[in-house]
Amino acid sequence: MNLIVGLGNPGAKYAMTKHNVGFWIIDQLVSDRSLKYKLGKSDFIFAKDQDCFFVKPTTYVNNSGIALKNILDYYDFIAVEDLIVIYDDIDIDLGKIKFKAKGSDGGHKGIESIIYHLRTNVFDRLKIGIATDMNMRPSEEYVLRPFSAKYNDLVDLVIKNALDGIEYYLEHGIDKTMNKYNKRDNNNGE
């Protein structure tokens, strides 16, 4: 069972902010499959089909690890090896995505929380670029604001690329997906 988790903050106040790009992608994956969200046994909502468990933590981004630990503890048929986390990355240009198999938190508090609570940094990730030519400092304020309307086409492009990438990942795994989507010379990777 694939565990596909999008990071974001709950509530209407944050719905359109850059920090919620992981939620946007999970919402589209759930919609494309005509699934419905249900309340989880802890701080998350989920939708599932026979192959995938789609999750949106209802903790704030910085506490995402709490929800993931609860999921992995409760659903013993899901392992950390089945996990891919989708989240915003301020160090990647808007319009680009990057798949990664493991690594540090890169300064992202949500990933830091996941690494801390799962006690491993070995899980798959899909980083969604949110960097623009606007002032991005302080970063904690930048990620909590919506994109300017002038970036709508790039936002649509990055969501499409992320959806295509996740579908490819589900069929081919992380190594082939990184090779395909992380090339420097295309618009799909860094």
N, C-alpha and C. Protein backbone atom coordinates (compact mmCIF):
# COMPACT_ATOMS: atom_id res chain seq x y z
N MET A 1 0.85 -1.19 0.00
CA MET A 1 0.00 0.00 0.00
C MET A 1 0.89 1.24 0.00
N ASN A 2 0.73 2.10 -0.97
CA ASN A 2 1.47 3.35 -1.04
C ASN A 2 0.85 4.37 -0.10
N LEU A 3 1.67 5.01 0.71
CA LEU A 3 1.23 6.07 1.60
C LEU A 3 1.70 7.40 1.01
N ILE A 4 0.76 8.18 0.48
CA ILE A 4 1.07 9.43 -0.20
C ILE A 4 0.55 10.57 0.67
N VAL A 5 1.46 11.37 1.18
CA VAL A 5 1.12 12.39 2.16
C VAL A 5 1.47 13.77 1.59
N GLY A 6 0.51 14.67 1.63
CA GLY A 6 0.74 16.06 1.25
C GLY A 6 0.78 16.92 2.48
N LEU A 7 1.77 17.79 2.58
CA LEU A 7 1.87 18.67 3.74
C LEU A 7 1.16 19.99 3.48
N GLY A 8 0.59 20.53 4.54
CA GLY A 8 -0.09 21.80 4.48
C GLY A 8 -0.64 22.14 5.85
N ASN A 9 -1.25 23.31 5.95
CA ASN A 9 -1.88 23.74 7.19
C ASN A 9 -3.40 23.66 7.04
N PRO A 10 -4.10 23.21 8.08
CA PRO A 10 -5.55 23.10 7.99
C PRO A 10 -6.24 24.46 8.05
N GLY A 11 -7.44 24.52 7.50
CA GLY A 11 -8.27 25.71 7.63
C GLY A 11 -8.25 26.61 6.41
N ALA A 12 -9.34 27.35 6.25
CA ALA A 12 -9.51 28.25 5.10
C ALA A 12 -8.45 29.35 5.05
N LYS A 13 -7.98 29.79 6.21
CA LYS A 13 -6.99 30.85 6.28
C LYS A 13 -5.72 30.51 5.49
N TYR A 14 -5.37 29.23 5.47
CA TYR A 14 -4.12 28.79 4.83
C TYR A 14 -4.32 28.10 3.48
N ALA A 15 -5.55 27.88 3.09
CA ALA A 15 -5.85 27.03 1.93
C ALA A 15 -5.09 27.40 0.67
N MET A 16 -4.92 28.69 0.40
CA MET A 16 -4.29 29.12 -0.85
C MET A 16 -2.82 29.53 -0.68
N THR A 17 -2.24 29.25 0.48
CA THR A 17 -0.85 29.66 0.70
C THR A 17 0.12 28.67 0.07
N LYS A 18 1.33 29.16 -0.18
CA LYS A 18 2.36 28.34 -0.81
C LYS A 18 2.68 27.09 0.02
N HIS A 19 2.60 27.21 1.33
CA HIS A 19 2.90 26.08 2.22
C HIS A 19 1.93 24.92 2.03
N ASN A 20 0.80 25.16 1.37
CA ASN A 20 -0.22 24.13 1.20
C ASN A 20 -0.18 23.43 -0.15
N VAL A 21 0.89 23.61 -0.89
CA VAL A 21 0.96 22.99 -2.22
C VAL A 21 0.86 21.46 -2.12
N GLY A 22 1.36 20.88 -1.06
CA GLY A 22 1.21 19.42 -0.88
C GLY A 22 -0.24 19.01 -0.77
N PHE A 23 -1.04 19.82 -0.05
CA PHE A 23 -2.48 19.57 0.05
C PHE A 23 -3.14 19.67 -1.32
N TRP A 24 -2.74 20.67 -2.13
CA TRP A 24 -3.36 20.86 -3.45
C TRP A 24 -3.19 19.61 -4.30
N ILE A 25 -2.00 19.03 -4.24
CA ILE A 25 -1.71 17.86 -5.07
C ILE A 25 -2.47 16.64 -4.56
N ILE A 26 -2.50 16.44 -3.25
CA ILE A 26 -3.28 15.33 -2.69
C ILE A 26 -4.76 15.49 -3.06
N ASP A 27 -5.29 16.70 -2.92
CA ASP A 27 -6.69 16.94 -3.28
C ASP A 27 -6.97 16.55 -4.73
N GLN A 28 -6.05 16.89 -5.62
CA GLN A 28 -6.27 16.57 -7.04
C GLN A 28 -6.16 15.06 -7.28
N LEU A 29 -5.21 14.39 -6.63
CA LEU A 29 -5.11 12.93 -6.76
C LEU A 29 -6.38 12.25 -6.27
N VAL A 30 -6.92 12.71 -5.17
CA VAL A 30 -8.14 12.15 -4.60
C VAL A 30 -9.33 12.42 -5.53
N SER A 31 -9.41 13.63 -6.04
CA SER A 31 -10.49 14.00 -6.97
C SER A 31 -10.42 13.19 -8.26
N ASP A 32 -9.21 13.06 -8.82
CA ASP A 32 -9.04 12.32 -10.07
C ASP A 32 -9.49 10.86 -9.95
N ARG A 33 -9.42 10.32 -8.74
CA ARG A 33 -9.82 8.94 -8.50
C ARG A 33 -11.26 8.83 -7.97
N SER A 34 -11.95 9.97 -7.90
CA SER A 34 -13.34 10.03 -7.39
C SER A 34 -13.46 9.43 -6.00
N LEU A 35 -12.48 9.72 -5.16
CA LEU A 35 -12.49 9.24 -3.78
C LEU A 35 -13.04 10.32 -2.86
N LYS A 36 -13.37 9.96 -1.64
CA LYS A 36 -13.86 10.90 -0.63
C LYS A 36 -12.97 10.79 0.60
N TYR A 37 -12.73 11.93 1.24
CA TYR A 37 -11.97 11.94 2.48
C TYR A 37 -12.80 11.40 3.64
N LYS A 38 -12.09 10.76 4.57
CA LYS A 38 -12.68 10.29 5.83
C LYS A 38 -11.78 10.80 6.95
N LEU A 39 -12.36 10.90 8.16
CA LEU A 39 -11.56 11.26 9.32
C LEU A 39 -10.67 10.09 9.69
N GLY A 40 -9.41 10.38 9.99
CA GLY A 40 -8.49 9.35 10.43
C GLY A 40 -8.63 9.09 11.92
N LYS A 41 -7.86 8.13 12.40
CA LYS A 41 -7.88 7.77 13.82
C LYS A 41 -7.08 8.73 14.69
N SER A 42 -6.50 9.72 14.05
CA SER A 42 -5.68 10.69 14.75
C SER A 42 -5.80 12.02 14.03
N ASP A 43 -4.72 12.77 13.96
CA ASP A 43 -4.71 14.10 13.36
C ASP A 43 -4.49 14.06 11.85
N PHE A 44 -5.43 13.47 11.10
CA PHE A 44 -5.32 13.42 9.66
C PHE A 44 -6.67 13.05 9.05
N ILE A 45 -6.80 13.40 7.77
CA ILE A 45 -7.91 12.89 6.97
C ILE A 45 -7.29 12.06 5.86
N PHE A 46 -8.05 11.13 5.31
CA PHE A 46 -7.48 10.25 4.30
C PHE A 46 -8.55 9.81 3.30
N ALA A 47 -8.07 9.35 2.18
CA ALA A 47 -8.89 8.68 1.17
C ALA A 47 -8.05 7.53 0.68
N LYS A 48 -8.70 6.44 0.29
CA LYS A 48 -7.88 5.31 -0.17
C LYS A 48 -8.60 4.54 -1.26
N ASP A 49 -7.77 3.90 -2.06
CA ASP A 49 -8.26 2.92 -3.02
C ASP A 49 -7.49 1.64 -2.73
N GLN A 50 -7.50 0.69 -3.61
CA GLN A 50 -6.86 -0.59 -3.27
C GLN A 50 -5.34 -0.52 -3.23
N ASP A 51 -4.74 0.51 -3.84
CA ASP A 51 -3.28 0.60 -3.89
C ASP A 51 -2.68 1.75 -3.10
N CYS A 52 -3.47 2.80 -2.86
CA CYS A 52 -2.93 4.03 -2.29
C CYS A 52 -3.76 4.54 -1.12
N PHE A 53 -3.04 5.09 -0.16
CA PHE A 53 -3.60 5.72 1.03
C PHE A 53 -3.16 7.18 0.95
N PHE A 54 -4.09 8.10 0.63
CA PHE A 54 -3.79 9.51 0.45
C PHE A 54 -4.10 10.24 1.75
N VAL A 55 -3.15 11.01 2.26
CA VAL A 55 -3.29 11.61 3.60
C VAL A 55 -2.98 13.10 3.58
N LYS A 56 -3.81 13.84 4.35
CA LYS A 56 -3.53 15.24 4.68
C LYS A 56 -3.53 15.33 6.21
N PRO A 57 -2.36 15.56 6.82
CA PRO A 57 -2.33 15.76 8.27
C PRO A 57 -3.16 16.99 8.64
N THR A 58 -3.84 16.93 9.77
CA THR A 58 -4.59 18.09 10.26
C THR A 58 -3.84 18.82 11.36
N THR A 59 -2.63 18.37 11.63
CA THR A 59 -1.71 19.15 12.47
C THR A 59 -1.23 20.28 11.58
N TYR A 60 -0.58 21.25 12.10
CA TYR A 60 0.05 22.24 11.26
C TYR A 60 1.30 21.60 10.66
N VAL A 61 1.80 22.20 9.56
CA VAL A 61 2.94 21.64 8.84
C VAL A 61 4.07 21.25 9.79
N ASN A 62 4.40 22.12 10.72
CA ASN A 62 5.55 21.89 11.58
C ASN A 62 5.39 20.70 12.52
N ASN A 63 4.20 20.15 12.63
CA ASN A 63 3.95 18.96 13.47
C ASN A 63 3.50 17.75 12.65
N SER A 64 3.80 17.74 11.38
CA SER A 64 3.35 16.67 10.48
C SER A 64 3.82 15.29 10.93
N GLY A 65 4.97 15.22 11.56
CA GLY A 65 5.52 13.94 11.99
C GLY A 65 4.63 13.22 12.99
N ILE A 66 3.91 13.97 13.80
CA ILE A 66 3.01 13.36 14.79
C ILE A 66 1.95 12.53 14.07
N ALA A 67 1.32 13.12 13.06
CA ALA A 67 0.28 12.41 12.30
C ALA A 67 0.85 11.19 11.59
N LEU A 68 2.02 11.33 10.97
CA LEU A 68 2.60 10.20 10.24
C LEU A 68 2.98 9.06 11.17
N LYS A 69 3.52 9.38 12.34
CA LYS A 69 3.85 8.34 13.32
C LYS A 69 2.58 7.60 13.73
N ASN A 70 1.50 8.33 13.98
CA ASN A 70 0.23 7.69 14.35
C ASN A 70 -0.30 6.79 13.24
N ILE A 71 -0.17 7.23 12.00
CA ILE A 71 -0.63 6.41 10.86
C ILE A 71 0.16 5.11 10.80
N LEU A 72 1.48 5.21 10.87
CA LEU A 72 2.32 4.02 10.75
C LEU A 72 2.15 3.09 11.95
N ASP A 73 1.86 3.65 13.13
CA ASP A 73 1.61 2.82 14.31
C ASP A 73 0.26 2.10 14.20
N TYR A 74 -0.75 2.79 13.70
CA TYR A 74 -2.10 2.24 13.66
C TYR A 74 -2.30 1.26 12.50
N TYR A 75 -1.82 1.64 11.32
CA TYR A 75 -1.99 0.80 10.13
C TYR A 75 -0.73 -0.04 9.93
N ASP A 76 -0.72 -1.21 10.52
CA ASP A 76 0.50 -2.02 10.49
C ASP A 76 0.80 -2.62 9.12
N PHE A 77 -0.11 -2.48 8.17
CA PHE A 77 0.15 -2.96 6.81
C PHE A 77 0.87 -1.91 5.96
N ILE A 78 1.13 -0.73 6.55
CA ILE A 78 1.86 0.32 5.85
C ILE A 78 3.21 0.50 6.55
N ALA A 79 4.27 0.54 5.77
CA ALA A 79 5.62 0.72 6.32
C ALA A 79 6.19 2.06 5.85
N VAL A 80 7.22 2.55 6.53
CA VAL A 80 7.85 3.81 6.14
C VAL A 80 8.40 3.71 4.72
N GLU A 81 8.74 2.51 4.27
CA GLU A 81 9.22 2.31 2.90
C GLU A 81 8.14 2.58 1.86
N ASP A 82 6.89 2.63 2.29
CA ASP A 82 5.75 2.88 1.40
C ASP A 82 5.42 4.37 1.29
N LEU A 83 6.15 5.21 2.02
CA LEU A 83 5.82 6.63 2.18
C LEU A 83 6.47 7.52 1.13
N ILE A 84 5.66 8.43 0.58
CA ILE A 84 6.19 9.58 -0.16
C ILE A 84 5.49 10.82 0.38
N VAL A 85 6.28 11.85 0.67
CA VAL A 85 5.78 13.11 1.22
C VAL A 85 5.91 14.19 0.14
N ILE A 86 4.82 14.92 -0.08
CA ILE A 86 4.78 15.99 -1.07
C ILE A 86 4.74 17.32 -0.31
N TYR A 87 5.69 18.21 -0.62
CA TYR A 87 5.77 19.47 0.14
C TYR A 87 6.45 20.57 -0.66
N ASP A 88 6.29 21.79 -0.18
CA ASP A 88 6.87 22.97 -0.81
C ASP A 88 8.36 23.07 -0.50
N ASP A 89 9.11 23.61 -1.48
CA ASP A 89 10.54 23.84 -1.27
C ASP A 89 10.90 25.22 -1.80
N ILE A 90 11.31 26.09 -0.90
CA ILE A 90 11.63 27.47 -1.24
C ILE A 90 12.96 27.59 -1.99
N ASP A 91 13.75 26.53 -2.04
CA ASP A 91 15.04 26.54 -2.73
C ASP A 91 14.94 26.04 -4.17
N ILE A 92 13.74 25.72 -4.63
CA ILE A 92 13.51 25.26 -6.01
C ILE A 92 12.57 26.26 -6.67
N ASP A 93 12.88 26.65 -7.89
CA ASP A 93 12.06 27.61 -8.62
C ASP A 93 10.66 27.09 -8.87
N LEU A 94 9.69 27.99 -8.77
CA LEU A 94 8.31 27.67 -9.10
C LEU A 94 8.26 27.13 -10.53
N GLY A 95 7.54 26.04 -10.71
CA GLY A 95 7.44 25.39 -12.01
C GLY A 95 8.25 24.12 -12.07
N LYS A 96 9.14 23.93 -11.08
CA LYS A 96 10.01 22.75 -11.07
C LYS A 96 9.66 21.84 -9.89
N ILE A 97 9.95 20.57 -10.08
CA ILE A 97 9.76 19.58 -9.03
C ILE A 97 11.03 18.75 -8.90
N LYS A 98 11.18 18.11 -7.75
CA LYS A 98 12.34 17.25 -7.54
C LYS A 98 11.95 16.09 -6.64
N PHE A 99 12.19 14.88 -7.12
CA PHE A 99 11.99 13.68 -6.31
C PHE A 99 13.27 13.36 -5.58
N LYS A 100 13.13 12.82 -4.38
CA LYS A 100 14.30 12.49 -3.56
C LYS A 100 13.98 11.25 -2.72
N ALA A 101 14.95 10.38 -2.53
CA ALA A 101 14.73 9.13 -1.81
C ALA A 101 14.99 9.24 -0.31
N LYS A 102 15.85 10.12 0.10
CA LYS A 102 16.20 10.27 1.52
C LYS A 102 16.98 11.56 1.67
N GLY A 103 17.30 11.90 2.90
CA GLY A 103 18.14 13.07 3.12
C GLY A 103 17.72 13.87 4.32
N SER A 104 18.33 15.03 4.43
CA SER A 104 18.06 15.92 5.57
C SER A 104 16.73 16.63 5.37
N ASP A 105 16.38 17.45 6.35
CA ASP A 105 15.13 18.20 6.26
C ASP A 105 15.26 19.43 5.37
N GLY A 106 16.49 19.84 5.04
CA GLY A 106 16.70 20.99 4.17
C GLY A 106 16.12 22.28 4.71
N GLY A 107 15.94 22.34 6.04
CA GLY A 107 15.37 23.54 6.65
C GLY A 107 13.85 23.56 6.67
N HIS A 108 13.21 22.53 6.17
CA HIS A 108 11.73 22.47 6.16
C HIS A 108 11.26 21.86 7.48
N LYS A 109 10.52 22.64 8.26
CA LYS A 109 10.10 22.20 9.60
C LYS A 109 9.17 20.98 9.56
N GLY A 110 8.36 20.85 8.52
CA GLY A 110 7.49 19.68 8.41
C GLY A 110 8.30 18.40 8.21
N ILE A 111 9.31 18.47 7.36
CA ILE A 111 10.18 17.31 7.13
C ILE A 111 11.01 17.03 8.38
N GLU A 112 11.46 18.09 9.06
CA GLU A 112 12.18 17.91 10.32
C GLU A 112 11.32 17.14 11.32
N SER A 113 10.05 17.48 11.43
CA SER A 113 9.13 16.80 12.34
C SER A 113 8.95 15.33 11.95
N ILE A 114 8.84 15.08 10.65
CA ILE A 114 8.66 13.70 10.19
C ILE A 114 9.91 12.87 10.51
N ILE A 115 11.08 13.40 10.21
CA ILE A 115 12.33 12.68 10.51
C ILE A 115 12.43 12.41 12.01
N TYR A 116 12.10 13.40 12.81
CA TYR A 116 12.18 13.25 14.27
C TYR A 116 11.22 12.16 14.76
N HIS A 117 9.98 12.22 14.36
CA HIS A 117 8.98 11.28 14.88
C HIS A 117 9.10 9.87 14.30
N LEU A 118 9.54 9.76 13.05
CA LEU A 118 9.71 8.43 12.44
C LEU A 118 11.09 7.85 12.73
N ARG A 119 11.99 8.69 13.23
CA ARG A 119 13.36 8.29 13.55
C ARG A 119 14.12 7.73 12.34
N THR A 120 13.80 8.30 11.19
CA THR A 120 14.52 7.95 9.97
C THR A 120 14.38 9.09 8.97
N ASN A 121 15.39 9.24 8.12
CA ASN A 121 15.29 10.19 7.02
C ASN A 121 15.20 9.45 5.69
N VAL A 122 14.99 8.15 5.76
CA VAL A 122 14.90 7.33 4.56
C VAL A 122 13.43 7.12 4.21
N PHE A 123 12.89 8.09 3.50
CA PHE A 123 11.56 8.00 2.92
C PHE A 123 11.55 8.88 1.68
N ASP A 124 10.68 8.55 0.74
CA ASP A 124 10.63 9.27 -0.53
C ASP A 124 9.95 10.62 -0.36
N ARG A 125 10.37 11.55 -1.21
CA ARG A 125 9.82 12.91 -1.16
C ARG A 125 9.60 13.42 -2.57
N LEU A 126 8.62 14.30 -2.69
CA LEU A 126 8.43 15.09 -3.90
C LEU A 126 8.41 16.54 -3.46
N LYS A 127 9.47 17.26 -3.84
CA LYS A 127 9.60 18.67 -3.48
C LYS A 127 9.03 19.51 -4.62
N ILE A 128 8.16 20.44 -4.25
CA ILE A 128 7.51 21.32 -5.21
C ILE A 128 8.13 22.71 -5.09
N GLY A 129 8.73 23.19 -6.16
CA GLY A 129 9.37 24.50 -6.13
C GLY A 129 8.36 25.62 -5.95
N ILE A 130 8.67 26.53 -5.02
CA ILE A 130 7.81 27.69 -4.79
C ILE A 130 8.57 29.01 -4.88
N ALA A 131 9.85 28.97 -5.26
CA ALA A 131 10.67 30.18 -5.31
C ALA A 131 10.26 31.04 -6.50
N THR A 132 10.12 32.34 -6.26
CA THR A 132 9.78 33.30 -7.31
C THR A 132 10.77 34.45 -7.24
N ASP A 133 10.55 35.44 -8.09
CA ASP A 133 11.42 36.62 -8.07
C ASP A 133 10.95 37.65 -7.03
N MET A 134 9.95 37.29 -6.23
CA MET A 134 9.48 38.18 -5.18
C MET A 134 10.38 38.05 -3.96
N ASN A 135 10.30 38.97 -3.04
CA ASN A 135 11.07 38.90 -1.81
C ASN A 135 10.61 37.68 -1.01
N MET A 136 11.51 36.74 -0.78
CA MET A 136 11.15 35.49 -0.09
C MET A 136 11.61 35.46 1.36
N ARG A 137 12.01 36.59 1.89
CA ARG A 137 12.46 36.64 3.27
C ARG A 137 11.60 37.60 4.08
N PRO A 138 11.26 37.29 5.29
CA PRO A 138 11.56 36.02 5.95
C PRO A 138 10.73 34.87 5.34
N SER A 139 11.36 33.73 5.22
CA SER A 139 10.73 32.60 4.53
C SER A 139 9.45 32.14 5.22
N GLU A 140 9.39 32.25 6.55
CA GLU A 140 8.18 31.80 7.26
C GLU A 140 6.98 32.67 6.94
N GLU A 141 7.21 33.90 6.48
CA GLU A 141 6.10 34.75 6.02
C GLU A 141 5.79 34.48 4.55
N TYR A 142 6.81 34.29 3.74
CA TYR A 142 6.63 34.03 2.31
C TYR A 142 5.77 32.79 2.07
N VAL A 143 6.05 31.71 2.79
CA VAL A 143 5.32 30.45 2.55
C VAL A 143 3.87 30.53 3.00
N LEU A 144 3.55 31.50 3.84
CA LEU A 144 2.18 31.63 4.36
C LEU A 144 1.37 32.68 3.60
N ARG A 145 1.86 33.06 2.42
CA ARG A 145 1.12 33.97 1.54
C ARG A 145 0.78 33.24 0.24
N PRO A 146 -0.33 33.61 -0.40
CA PRO A 146 -0.67 33.01 -1.70
C PRO A 146 0.31 33.49 -2.78
N PHE A 147 0.32 32.75 -3.89
CA PHE A 147 1.07 33.21 -5.06
C PHE A 147 0.36 34.41 -5.67
N SER A 148 1.12 35.33 -6.21
CA SER A 148 0.56 36.43 -6.97
C SER A 148 -0.11 35.86 -8.23
N ALA A 149 -1.15 36.50 -8.71
CA ALA A 149 -1.90 36.02 -9.88
C ALA A 149 -1.00 35.87 -11.11
N LYS A 150 0.08 36.64 -11.19
CA LYS A 150 0.95 36.54 -12.36
C LYS A 150 1.64 35.17 -12.46
N TYR A 151 1.60 34.39 -11.39
CA TYR A 151 2.23 33.06 -11.39
C TYR A 151 1.23 31.92 -11.63
N ASN A 152 -0.03 32.24 -11.93
CA ASN A 152 -1.05 31.19 -12.07
C ASN A 152 -0.67 30.10 -13.06
N ASP A 153 -0.11 30.49 -14.22
CA ASP A 153 0.26 29.49 -15.23
C ASP A 153 1.36 28.57 -14.72
N LEU A 154 2.34 29.13 -14.01
CA LEU A 154 3.41 28.30 -13.47
C LEU A 154 2.89 27.38 -12.36
N VAL A 155 1.98 27.87 -11.55
CA VAL A 155 1.38 27.04 -10.50
C VAL A 155 0.64 25.87 -11.13
N ASP A 156 -0.16 26.16 -12.18
CA ASP A 156 -0.87 25.09 -12.88
C ASP A 156 0.10 24.08 -13.47
N LEU A 157 1.20 24.57 -14.05
CA LEU A 157 2.20 23.69 -14.65
C LEU A 157 2.85 22.78 -13.60
N VAL A 158 3.23 23.35 -12.47
CA VAL A 158 3.91 22.55 -11.46
C VAL A 158 2.97 21.50 -10.86
N ILE A 159 1.70 21.84 -10.72
CA ILE A 159 0.74 20.85 -10.22
C ILE A 159 0.57 19.72 -11.23
N LYS A 160 0.46 20.07 -12.51
CA LYS A 160 0.35 19.04 -13.56
C LYS A 160 1.59 18.14 -13.56
N ASN A 161 2.78 18.75 -13.50
CA ASN A 161 4.01 17.96 -13.49
C ASN A 161 4.08 17.06 -12.26
N ALA A 162 3.65 17.58 -11.11
CA ALA A 162 3.66 16.78 -9.89
C ALA A 162 2.70 15.60 -10.00
N LEU A 163 1.51 15.83 -10.53
CA LEU A 163 0.54 14.75 -10.70
C LEU A 163 1.07 13.68 -11.65
N ASP A 164 1.65 14.13 -12.78
CA ASP A 164 2.25 13.18 -13.72
C ASP A 164 3.39 12.41 -13.05
N GLY A 165 4.21 13.13 -12.27
CA GLY A 165 5.33 12.50 -11.59
C GLY A 165 4.89 11.46 -10.58
N ILE A 166 3.85 11.76 -9.81
CA ILE A 166 3.35 10.80 -8.83
C ILE A 166 2.81 9.55 -9.52
N GLU A 167 2.08 9.72 -10.60
CA GLU A 167 1.56 8.55 -11.34
C GLU A 167 2.72 7.70 -11.86
N TYR A 168 3.76 8.35 -12.39
CA TYR A 168 4.94 7.64 -12.87
C TYR A 168 5.62 6.91 -11.71
N TYR A 169 5.78 7.61 -10.59
CA TYR A 169 6.39 7.04 -9.39
C TYR A 169 5.65 5.79 -8.92
N LEU A 170 4.34 5.82 -8.91
CA LEU A 170 3.55 4.67 -8.45
C LEU A 170 3.77 3.45 -9.33
N GLU A 171 4.07 3.69 -10.58
CA GLU A 171 4.29 2.57 -11.50
C GLU A 171 5.75 2.13 -11.56
N HIS A 172 6.69 3.08 -11.41
CA HIS A 172 8.09 2.78 -11.68
C HIS A 172 9.03 2.87 -10.48
N GLY A 173 8.58 3.44 -9.36
CA GLY A 173 9.44 3.56 -8.19
C GLY A 173 10.30 4.81 -8.23
N ILE A 174 11.02 5.03 -7.13
CA ILE A 174 11.73 6.29 -6.93
C ILE A 174 12.94 6.46 -7.86
N ASP A 175 13.73 5.41 -8.10
CA ASP A 175 14.95 5.58 -8.90
C ASP A 175 14.64 6.02 -10.33
N LYS A 176 13.75 5.31 -11.00
CA LYS A 176 13.39 5.68 -12.38
C LYS A 176 12.72 7.05 -12.41
N THR A 177 11.93 7.35 -11.37
CA THR A 177 11.23 8.64 -11.33
C THR A 177 12.23 9.78 -11.16
N MET A 178 13.22 9.60 -10.30
CA MET A 178 14.25 10.64 -10.15
C MET A 178 14.99 10.85 -11.47
N ASN A 179 15.33 9.76 -12.15
CA ASN A 179 16.03 9.87 -13.43
C ASN A 179 15.21 10.63 -14.46
N LYS A 180 13.91 10.42 -14.46
CA LYS A 180 13.05 11.07 -15.46
C LYS A 180 12.75 12.53 -15.10
N TYR A 181 12.46 12.82 -13.84
CA TYR A 181 11.94 14.14 -13.46
C TYR A 181 12.97 15.10 -12.88
N ASN A 182 14.16 14.64 -12.53
CA ASN A 182 15.12 15.53 -11.88
C ASN A 182 16.20 16.04 -12.82
N LYS A 183 15.99 15.96 -14.11
CA LYS A 183 16.98 16.44 -15.07
C LYS A 183 17.06 17.96 -15.02
N ARG A 184 18.27 18.49 -15.09
CA ARG A 184 18.49 19.94 -15.02
C ARG A 184 17.99 20.66 -16.27
N ASP A 185 17.97 19.97 -17.41
CA ASP A 185 17.67 20.66 -18.67
C ASP A 185 16.20 20.64 -19.05
N ASN A 186 15.33 20.16 -18.17
CA ASN A 186 13.90 20.21 -18.51
C ASN A 186 13.16 21.05 -17.49
N ASN A 187 11.89 21.19 -17.69
CA ASN A 187 11.09 22.02 -16.78
C ASN A 187 10.47 21.19 -15.68
N ASN A 188 10.87 19.93 -15.54
CA ASN A 188 10.30 19.04 -14.54
C ASN A 188 11.22 18.77 -13.37
N GLY A 189 12.36 19.37 -13.30
CA GLY A 189 13.26 19.05 -12.19
C GLY A 189 14.31 20.10 -12.02
N GLU A 190 15.09 19.89 -11.00
CA GLU A 190 16.13 20.87 -10.69
C GLU A 190 17.48 20.30 -11.08
